Amino acid sequence: MEMILRYQTGLRAEAVLLAAGADRMRIAVRDGADTVELRLVFGRWVSEDGGPLEIESLISIPNTGIEHFCPDPAPMTRTAGNTMWTI
């Protein structure tokens, strides 16, 4: 599964999901030297250094098992004021 991450600084990065659980993900970031572990803390994904990030997109192949990891995804949108709203 491919994904696009958006860090708090506004930086976007392409990544590939290698493994996922209910509150952890192991990913490989494009041009990165090593894999990265993301953790779900109080409902937000954070990087290894504790910085929050957003998963902007997930590109999945049907019937590959994402259902156990993300059973009911809630789409989000960004307003002009950079406020996140769940739709």
Protein backbone atom coordinates (compact mmCIF):
# COMPACT_ATOMS: atom_id res chain seq x y z
CA MET A 1 0.00 0.00 0.00
CA GLU A 2 1.31 3.41 -0.92
CA MET A 3 0.70 6.52 1.13
CA ILE A 4 1.42 10.23 1.28
CA LEU A 5 2.37 11.69 4.65
CA ARG A 6 2.16 15.33 5.65
CA TYR A 7 4.37 16.44 8.50
CA GLN A 8 3.61 19.34 10.84
CA THR A 9 6.13 21.49 8.91
CA GLY A 10 4.07 21.05 5.74
CA LEU A 11 6.58 18.66 4.18
CA ARG A 12 4.98 15.83 2.20
CA ALA A 13 6.59 12.44 1.73
CA GLU A 14 5.71 9.33 -0.24
CA ALA A 15 5.89 6.07 1.68
CA VAL A 16 5.04 2.39 1.45
CA LEU A 17 3.21 0.63 4.26
CA LEU A 18 5.13 -2.48 5.30
CA ALA A 19 3.16 -3.61 8.37
CA ALA A 20 0.25 -2.25 10.39
CA GLY A 21 -1.50 -2.89 13.65
CA ALA A 22 -4.21 -1.07 15.56
CA ASP A 23 -1.83 1.56 16.93
CA ARG A 24 1.48 1.15 15.04
CA MET A 25 2.69 1.21 11.44
CA ARG A 26 6.05 0.35 9.95
CA ILE A 27 6.69 2.30 6.75
CA ALA A 28 9.46 2.92 4.27
CA VAL A 29 9.70 6.59 3.28
CA ARG A 30 10.91 7.29 -0.24
CA ASP A 31 14.64 8.07 -0.29
CA GLY A 32 14.86 7.18 3.41
CA ALA A 33 17.79 5.17 4.71
CA ASP A 34 15.73 3.04 7.12
CA THR A 35 12.16 2.08 7.97
CA VAL A 36 10.10 4.27 10.28
CA GLU A 37 7.60 3.37 12.97
CA LEU A 38 4.50 5.54 13.35
CA ARG A 39 2.39 5.34 16.52
CA LEU A 40 -1.21 6.29 17.20
CA VAL A 41 -1.23 8.48 20.33
CA PHE A 42 -4.51 9.93 21.61
CA GLY A 43 -6.07 9.56 18.16
CA ARG A 44 -3.20 11.14 16.21
CA TRP A 45 -0.37 9.54 14.26
CA VAL A 46 3.07 10.61 15.41
CA SER A 47 6.54 9.98 14.01
CA GLU A 48 9.42 8.38 15.91
CA ASP A 49 10.46 11.78 17.26
CA GLY A 50 6.93 12.41 18.58
CA GLY A 51 5.96 14.96 15.93
CA PRO A 52 2.37 14.73 14.69
CA LEU A 53 1.68 13.93 11.06
CA GLU A 54 -1.28 13.32 8.81
CA ILE A 55 -1.85 10.49 6.40
CA GLU A 56 -3.06 12.44 3.38
CA SER A 57 -3.77 9.44 1.19
CA LEU A 58 -3.71 5.68 1.14
CA ILE A 59 -3.63 3.87 -2.15
CA SER A 60 -4.62 0.26 -1.68
CA ILE A 61 -5.26 -2.78 -3.77
CA PRO A 62 -8.72 -4.22 -2.96
CA ASN A 63 -8.91 -7.25 -0.66
CA THR A 64 -5.38 -6.87 0.72
CA GLY A 65 -6.26 -6.72 4.42
CA ILE A 66 -6.47 -2.98 5.14
CA GLU A 67 -9.90 -3.59 6.68
CA HIS A 68 -8.43 -4.77 10.02
CA PHE A 69 -6.21 -1.69 10.22
CA CYS A 70 -8.68 0.98 9.14
CA PRO A 71 -12.22 -0.49 9.26
CA ASP A 72 -14.15 2.78 8.94
CA PRO A 73 -11.98 5.57 7.50
CA ALA A 74 -13.34 9.07 7.99
CA PRO A 75 -12.47 11.44 5.15
CA MET A 76 -11.06 14.76 6.24
CA THR A 77 -10.82 18.11 4.56
CA ARG A 78 -8.70 21.17 5.21
CA THR A 79 -10.33 24.59 5.32
CA ALA A 80 -8.73 27.95 4.55
CA GLY A 81 -7.92 28.30 8.25
CA ASN A 82 -6.10 24.94 8.28
CA THR A 83 -8.70 23.40 10.58
CA MET A 84 -9.24 19.67 10.20
CA TRP A 85 -12.86 18.53 10.09
CA THR A 86 -14.10 14.95 9.91
CA ILE A 87 -16.90 14.61 7.37
